[in-house]
Structures are given as structure tokens and as C-alpha cells.
């Protein structure tokens, strides 16, 4: 029983560390100092290095953690939202948050093209079905047009997010919101 409690505690600590790293990446990019991440997580830098020996290990872990959180949010939002369109809109907001932390990932993994391709495949395998389910539910309810394909929609959202980190006047969230609103069927 002590071992199980320790493992649960270790999982919570790792999740807290990953959330702190994601927040630091949003604020300062993927090159955020490890000491800043440690301070956000309330741990020492040694704890981070014990879990993630390299920066690439940490970035990949954050990426996978966020993909899982985004994938798990879809069904929960669909079950708990006022409408399928509301669930889709909220999920897209989470997806945009994820994309913001993803910037810089390619540069870090450039030396490991196979690793980057594996992460991209993982991303598509986990998130495309969730997006497709949300789009299908919103279309079936008559809230949005029925000809929206998940892959194209996700690419569109991703393309709207490009450049958001380099131009403070560019509001990707607003533009993505307009895209989601534009899916609605006219009354």
C-alpha cells in the first residue's frame, strides 16, 4: 500500500512539474530556464533533471501531457457543455493553448527527425478522432455545417496560430474564435 501511495504521489509531482513547464514555455518559450520551471513547480532543479535528464526530454513530456489532456477534454466537454458547438468552441480554445506551447518544439528536435515524426503521428492519432467527434456532434445537432473535416479544420486553427508569438498585435485566439463561429449554420 505504501508503494502505491508513493507512485500516486510521484505521478502528481510529475504532473505538477509538466504543468509548470508548460506555463513557463508559454511565458518564455521552450528555452525557459530550468530554475524558473522548478520555482513554478515548487521543486528543486535536481528533481527536474531526475525526471527529465535533457531539455528535449522535458519538452517531449510536456507535449505528450498536453496532447493527452486535450484528447481527454473532448468527450468530457461534449458530455458537460450546453451544446455540442459550445463543447467544440471550448475544446478549440484548449487546442490553441496547446499550440502556443508547441512553438519551438521543432527547433529542439531538429536533430532527431524520426522522433519529431513520431510525435506528430502521436498528435494526429490522439487528437484527430476527438476533433472529428466534436465536429460530428455539432453537425448532427444542426449547429454547424456538416462538410467540415477534422484534419483541415485543425490545420486551419494551427495556421491561424502561426506568428502569434512574434507579433503582439496579432490575436490568434480572436481569429480562431471567428473561425469556430463561422462554422455555424445560418438561422
C-alpha atoms as a PDB file:
ATOM      1  CA  UNK A   1       0.000   0.000   0.000  1.00  0.00           C
ATOM      2  CA  UNK A   2       2.886   2.401   0.757  1.00  0.00           C
ATOM      3  CA  UNK A   3       4.376   1.752  -2.707  1.00  0.00           C
ATOM      4  CA  UNK A   4       1.048   2.524  -4.432  1.00  0.00           C
ATOM      5  CA  UNK A   5       0.683   5.790  -2.468  1.00  0.00           C
ATOM      6  CA  UNK A   6       4.246   6.773  -3.341  1.00  0.00           C
ATOM      7  CA  UNK A   7       3.616   6.066  -7.046  1.00  0.00           C
ATOM      8  CA  UNK A   8       0.437   8.173  -6.979  1.00  0.00           C
ATOM      9  CA  UNK A   9       2.386  10.953  -5.267  1.00  0.00           C
ATOM     10  CA  UNK A  10       5.161  10.685  -7.858  1.00  0.00           C
ATOM     11  CA  UNK A  11       2.588  10.927 -10.671  1.00  0.00           C
ATOM     12  CA  UNK A  12       1.060  14.043  -9.089  1.00  0.00           C
ATOM     13  CA  UNK A  13       4.510  15.584  -8.702  1.00  0.00           C
ATOM     14  CA  UNK A  14       5.381  14.836 -12.311  1.00  0.00           C
ATOM     15  CA  UNK A  15       2.059  16.277 -13.495  1.00  0.00           C
ATOM     16  CA  UNK A  16       2.668  19.422 -11.450  1.00  0.00           C
ATOM     17  CA  UNK A  17       6.139  19.686 -12.939  1.00  0.00           C
ATOM     18  CA  UNK A  18       4.788  19.267 -16.501  1.00  0.00           C
ATOM     19  CA  UNK A  19       2.121  21.918 -15.921  1.00  0.00           C
ATOM     20  CA  UNK A  20       4.736  24.303 -14.543  1.00  0.00           C
ATOM     21  CA  UNK A  21       6.978  23.645 -17.548  1.00  0.00           C
ATOM     22  CA  UNK A  22       4.087  24.252 -19.950  1.00  0.00           C
ATOM     23  CA  UNK A  23       3.320  27.572 -18.233  1.00  0.00           C
ATOM     24  CA  UNK A  24       6.987  28.564 -18.412  1.00  0.00           C
ATOM     25  CA  UNK A  25       7.099  27.637 -22.107  1.00  0.00           C
ATOM     26  CA  UNK A  26       4.059  29.845 -22.785  1.00  0.00           C
ATOM     27  CA  UNK A  27       5.644  32.743 -20.893  1.00  0.00           C
ATOM     28  CA  UNK A  28       9.241  32.397 -22.091  1.00  0.00           C
ATOM     29  CA  UNK A  29       9.433  29.797 -24.863  1.00  0.00           C
ATOM     30  CA  UNK A  30      10.915  26.309 -24.731  1.00  0.00           C
ATOM     31  CA  UNK A  31      14.276  27.734 -23.686  1.00  0.00           C
ATOM     32  CA  UNK A  32      12.837  28.882 -20.340  1.00  0.00           C
ATOM     33  CA  UNK A  33      15.440  28.410 -17.593  1.00  0.00           C
ATOM     34  CA  UNK A  34      15.088  25.177 -15.638  1.00  0.00           C
ATOM     35  CA  UNK A  35      15.306  27.161 -12.385  1.00  0.00           C
ATOM     36  CA  UNK A  36      12.181  29.110 -13.431  1.00  0.00           C
ATOM     37  CA  UNK A  37      10.327  25.871 -14.141  1.00  0.00           C
ATOM     38  CA  UNK A  38      11.471  24.426 -10.825  1.00  0.00           C
ATOM     39  CA  UNK A  39      10.303  27.544  -8.969  1.00  0.00           C
ATOM     40  CA  UNK A  40       6.872  27.358 -10.636  1.00  0.00           C
ATOM     41  CA  UNK A  41       6.596  23.676  -9.685  1.00  0.00           C
ATOM     42  CA  UNK A  42       7.873  24.216  -6.144  1.00  0.00           C
ATOM     43  CA  UNK A  43      10.731  21.732  -6.572  1.00  0.00           C
ATOM     44  CA  UNK A  44      14.489  21.874  -6.906  1.00  0.00           C
ATOM     45  CA  UNK A  45      16.226  21.772 -10.277  1.00  0.00           C
ATOM     46  CA  UNK A  46      17.601  18.351  -9.375  1.00  0.00           C
ATOM     47  CA  UNK A  47      14.066  16.977  -9.305  1.00  0.00           C
ATOM     48  CA  UNK A  48      13.508  18.156 -12.860  1.00  0.00           C
ATOM     49  CA  UNK A  49      16.774  16.622 -14.070  1.00  0.00           C
ATOM     50  CA  UNK A  50      15.999  13.379 -12.252  1.00  0.00           C
ATOM     51  CA  UNK A  51      12.716  13.061 -14.175  1.00  0.00           C
ATOM     52  CA  UNK A  52      13.903  14.661 -17.428  1.00  0.00           C
ATOM     53  CA  UNK A  53      17.675  14.429 -17.995  1.00  0.00           C
ATOM     54  CA  UNK A  54      17.610  16.700 -21.072  1.00  0.00           C
ATOM     55  CA  UNK A  55      15.576  19.715 -22.147  1.00  0.00           C
ATOM     56  CA  UNK A  56      14.295  17.682 -25.110  1.00  0.00           C
ATOM     57  CA  UNK A  57      13.013  15.028 -22.675  1.00  0.00           C
ATOM     58  CA  UNK A  58      11.114  17.699 -20.755  1.00  0.00           C
ATOM     59  CA  UNK A  59       9.679  19.318 -23.881  1.00  0.00           C
ATOM     60  CA  UNK A  60       8.547  15.971 -25.273  1.00  0.00           C
ATOM     61  CA  UNK A  61       6.944  15.068 -21.934  1.00  0.00           C
ATOM     62  CA  UNK A  62       5.096  18.418 -21.836  1.00  0.00           C
ATOM     63  CA  UNK A  63       3.959  17.891 -25.419  1.00  0.00           C
ATOM     64  CA  UNK A  64       2.634  14.397 -24.705  1.00  0.00           C
ATOM     65  CA  UNK A  65       0.995  15.544 -21.455  1.00  0.00           C
ATOM     66  CA  UNK A  66      -0.823  18.329 -23.265  1.00  0.00           C
ATOM     67  CA  UNK A  67      -1.896  16.066 -26.120  1.00  0.00           C
ATOM     68  CA  UNK A  68      -3.407  13.677 -23.561  1.00  0.00           C
ATOM     69  CA  UNK A  69      -5.140  16.492 -21.684  1.00  0.00           C
ATOM     70  CA  UNK A  70      -6.589  17.850 -24.934  1.00  0.00           C
ATOM     71  CA  UNK A  71      -7.698  14.374 -26.043  1.00  0.00           C
ATOM     72  CA  UNK A  72      -9.354  13.617 -22.702  1.00  0.00           C
ATOM     73  CA  UNK A  73     -11.100  17.010 -22.608  1.00  0.00           C
ATOM     74  CA  UNK A  74     -13.110  16.416 -25.783  1.00  0.00           C
ATOM     75  CA  UNK A  75     -15.511  13.744 -24.501  1.00  0.00           C
ATOM     76  CA  UNK A  76     -15.803  15.466 -21.114  1.00  0.00           C
ATOM     77  CA  UNK A  77     -16.699  18.779 -22.740  1.00  0.00           C
ATOM     78  CA  UNK A  78     -19.194  17.092 -25.032  1.00  0.00           C
ATOM     79  CA  UNK A  79     -20.892  15.462 -22.040  1.00  0.00           C
ATOM     80  CA  UNK A  80     -20.897  18.568 -19.861  1.00  0.00           C
ATOM     81  CA  UNK A  81     -21.475  21.507 -22.206  1.00  0.00           C
ATOM     82  CA  UNK A  82     -24.723  23.257 -23.020  1.00  0.00           C
ATOM     83  CA  UNK A  83     -24.391  22.252 -26.668  1.00  0.00           C
ATOM     84  CA  UNK A  84     -22.009  20.395 -28.985  1.00  0.00           C
ATOM     85  CA  UNK A  85     -20.949  23.727 -30.539  1.00  0.00           C
ATOM     86  CA  UNK A  86     -20.102  25.077 -27.071  1.00  0.00           C
ATOM     87  CA  UNK A  87     -18.052  21.924 -26.421  1.00  0.00           C
ATOM     88  CA  UNK A  88     -16.264  22.345 -29.756  1.00  0.00           C
ATOM     89  CA  UNK A  89     -15.531  26.019 -29.057  1.00  0.00           C
ATOM     90  CA  UNK A  90     -14.084  25.248 -25.609  1.00  0.00           C
ATOM     91  CA  UNK A  91     -12.031  22.336 -26.974  1.00  0.00           C
ATOM     92  CA  UNK A  92     -10.608  24.552 -29.718  1.00  0.00           C
ATOM     93  CA  UNK A  93      -9.546  27.044 -27.021  1.00  0.00           C
ATOM     94  CA  UNK A  94      -7.649  24.223 -25.276  1.00  0.00           C
ATOM     95  CA  UNK A  95      -6.146  23.181 -28.609  1.00  0.00           C
ATOM     96  CA  UNK A  96      -4.945  26.750 -29.223  1.00  0.00           C
ATOM     97  CA  UNK A  97      -3.386  26.811 -25.739  1.00  0.00           C
ATOM     98  CA  UNK A  98      -1.600  23.587 -26.639  1.00  0.00           C
ATOM     99  CA  UNK A  99      -0.368  25.025 -29.943  1.00  0.00           C
ATOM    100  CA  UNK A 100       1.130  28.018 -28.165  1.00  0.00           C
ATOM    101  CA  UNK A 101       3.387  25.756 -26.091  1.00  0.00           C
ATOM    102  CA  UNK A 102       4.246  23.681 -29.162  1.00  0.00           C
ATOM    103  CA  UNK A 103       6.130  26.544 -30.809  1.00  0.00           C
ATOM    104  CA  UNK A 104       9.853  25.898 -30.581  1.00  0.00           C
ATOM    105  CA  UNK A 105       9.426  22.130 -30.418  1.00  0.00           C
ATOM    106  CA  UNK A 106      10.639  21.615 -33.981  1.00  0.00           C
ATOM    107  CA  UNK A 107      13.862  23.524 -33.348  1.00  0.00           C
ATOM    108  CA  UNK A 108      14.643  21.490 -30.252  1.00  0.00           C
ATOM    109  CA  UNK A 109      14.001  18.187 -32.022  1.00  0.00           C
ATOM    110  CA  UNK A 110      15.528  19.124 -35.381  1.00  0.00           C
ATOM    111  CA  UNK A 111      18.453  16.750 -34.817  1.00  0.00           C
ATOM    112  CA  UNK A 112      16.024  13.862 -34.252  1.00  0.00           C
ATOM    113  CA  UNK A 113      13.733  13.915 -37.303  1.00  0.00           C
ATOM    114  CA  UNK A 114      12.400  10.409 -36.570  1.00  0.00           C
ATOM    115  CA  UNK A 115      11.471  11.495 -33.038  1.00  0.00           C
ATOM    116  CA  UNK A 116       9.683  14.565 -34.340  1.00  0.00           C
ATOM    117  CA  UNK A 117       7.762  12.491 -36.917  1.00  0.00           C
ATOM    118  CA  UNK A 118       6.754  10.034 -34.189  1.00  0.00           C
ATOM    119  CA  UNK A 119       5.430  12.903 -32.041  1.00  0.00           C
ATOM    120  CA  UNK A 120       3.492  14.338 -34.963  1.00  0.00           C
ATOM    121  CA  UNK A 121       1.927  10.930 -35.670  1.00  0.00           C
ATOM    122  CA  UNK A 122       1.039  10.611 -31.960  1.00  0.00           C
ATOM    123  CA  UNK A 123      -0.540  14.070 -32.043  1.00  0.00           C
ATOM    124  CA  UNK A 124      -2.686  13.175 -35.063  1.00  0.00           C
ATOM    125  CA  UNK A 125      -3.625   9.731 -33.727  1.00  0.00           C
ATOM    126  CA  UNK A 126      -4.855  11.186 -30.420  1.00  0.00           C
ATOM    127  CA  UNK A 127      -6.437  14.494 -31.471  1.00  0.00           C
ATOM    128  CA  UNK A 128      -7.977  13.924 -34.908  1.00  0.00           C
ATOM    129  CA  UNK A 129     -10.607  11.468 -33.621  1.00  0.00           C
ATOM    130  CA  UNK A 130     -11.547  13.831 -30.779  1.00  0.00           C
ATOM    131  CA  UNK A 131     -11.933  16.780 -33.130  1.00  0.00           C
ATOM    132  CA  UNK A 132     -13.905  14.630 -35.580  1.00  0.00           C
ATOM    133  CA  UNK A 133     -16.258  13.519 -32.784  1.00  0.00           C
ATOM    134  CA  UNK A 134     -16.877  17.115 -31.689  1.00  0.00           C
ATOM    135  CA  UNK A 135     -17.472  18.293 -35.256  1.00  0.00           C
ATOM    136  CA  UNK A 136     -19.819  15.360 -35.948  1.00  0.00           C
ATOM    137  CA  UNK A 137     -21.823  16.031 -32.775  1.00  0.00           C
ATOM    138  CA  UNK A 138     -22.181  19.723 -33.591  1.00  0.00           C
ATOM    139  CA  UNK A 139     -23.197  18.895 -37.180  1.00  0.00           C
ATOM    140  CA  UNK A 140     -25.684  16.227 -36.032  1.00  0.00           C
ATOM    141  CA  UNK A 141     -27.293  18.751 -33.689  1.00  0.00           C
ATOM    142  CA  UNK A 142     -27.743  21.137 -36.610  1.00  0.00           C
ATOM    143  CA  UNK A 143     -25.472  23.776 -35.103  1.00  0.00           C
ATOM    144  CA  UNK A 144     -22.710  23.724 -37.712  1.00  0.00           C
ATOM    145  CA  UNK A 145     -22.287  22.801 -41.343  1.00  0.00           C
ATOM    146  CA  UNK A 146     -21.726  19.116 -41.962  1.00  0.00           C
ATOM    147  CA  UNK A 147     -18.897  19.338 -44.509  1.00  0.00           C
ATOM    148  CA  UNK A 148     -16.104  20.271 -42.084  1.00  0.00           C
ATOM    149  CA  UNK A 149     -13.311  17.704 -41.983  1.00  0.00           C
ATOM    150  CA  UNK A 150     -11.273  17.385 -38.774  1.00  0.00           C
ATOM    151  CA  UNK A 151      -7.826  17.383 -40.399  1.00  0.00           C
ATOM    152  CA  UNK A 152      -8.479  20.506 -42.472  1.00  0.00           C
ATOM    153  CA  UNK A 153     -10.113  22.266 -39.535  1.00  0.00           C
ATOM    154  CA  UNK A 154      -7.188  21.506 -37.214  1.00  0.00           C
ATOM    155  CA  UNK A 155      -4.716  22.668 -39.881  1.00  0.00           C
ATOM    156  CA  UNK A 156      -6.691  25.884 -40.241  1.00  0.00           C
ATOM    157  CA  UNK A 157      -6.609  26.506 -36.499  1.00  0.00           C
ATOM    158  CA  UNK A 158      -2.881  25.740 -36.463  1.00  0.00           C
ATOM    159  CA  UNK A 159      -2.225  28.101 -39.352  1.00  0.00           C
ATOM    160  CA  UNK A 160      -4.104  30.883 -37.577  1.00  0.00           C
ATOM    161  CA  UNK A 161      -1.799  30.392 -34.578  1.00  0.00           C
ATOM    162  CA  UNK A 162       1.408  30.813 -36.583  1.00  0.00           C
ATOM    163  CA  UNK A 163       3.084  34.107 -35.829  1.00  0.00           C
ATOM    164  CA  UNK A 164       1.053  34.832 -32.713  1.00  0.00           C
ATOM    165  CA  UNK A 165       4.198  34.704 -30.590  1.00  0.00           C
ATOM    166  CA  UNK A 166       6.155  37.163 -32.757  1.00  0.00           C
ATOM    167  CA  UNK A 167       3.604  39.965 -33.230  1.00  0.00           C
ATOM    168  CA  UNK A 168       1.891  41.373 -30.141  1.00  0.00           C
ATOM    169  CA  UNK A 169      -0.813  42.962 -32.337  1.00  0.00           C
ATOM    170  CA  UNK A 170      -1.828  39.576 -33.760  1.00  0.00           C
ATOM    171  CA  UNK A 171      -4.653  37.937 -31.830  1.00  0.00           C
ATOM    172  CA  UNK A 172      -4.782  34.298 -32.904  1.00  0.00           C
ATOM    173  CA  UNK A 173      -7.432  33.447 -30.320  1.00  0.00           C
ATOM    174  CA  UNK A 174      -9.792  36.039 -31.752  1.00  0.00           C
ATOM    175  CA  UNK A 175      -9.274  34.765 -35.289  1.00  0.00           C
ATOM    176  CA  UNK A 176      -9.760  31.154 -34.222  1.00  0.00           C
ATOM    177  CA  UNK A 177     -12.948  32.229 -32.446  1.00  0.00           C
ATOM    178  CA  UNK A 178     -14.177  33.787 -35.690  1.00  0.00           C
ATOM    179  CA  UNK A 179     -13.391  30.535 -37.496  1.00  0.00           C
ATOM    180  CA  UNK A 180     -15.384  28.498 -34.966  1.00  0.00           C
ATOM    181  CA  UNK A 181     -18.275  30.983 -35.109  1.00  0.00           C
ATOM    182  CA  UNK A 182     -18.135  30.797 -38.914  1.00  0.00           C
ATOM    183  CA  UNK A 183     -18.963  27.080 -38.801  1.00  0.00           C
ATOM    184  CA  UNK A 184     -22.463  27.860 -37.525  1.00  0.00           C
ATOM    185  CA  UNK A 185     -25.409  27.371 -39.839  1.00  0.00           C
ATOM    186  CA  UNK A 186     -27.433  30.489 -40.600  1.00  0.00           C
ATOM    187  CA  UNK A 187     -30.759  30.597 -38.787  1.00  0.00           C
END
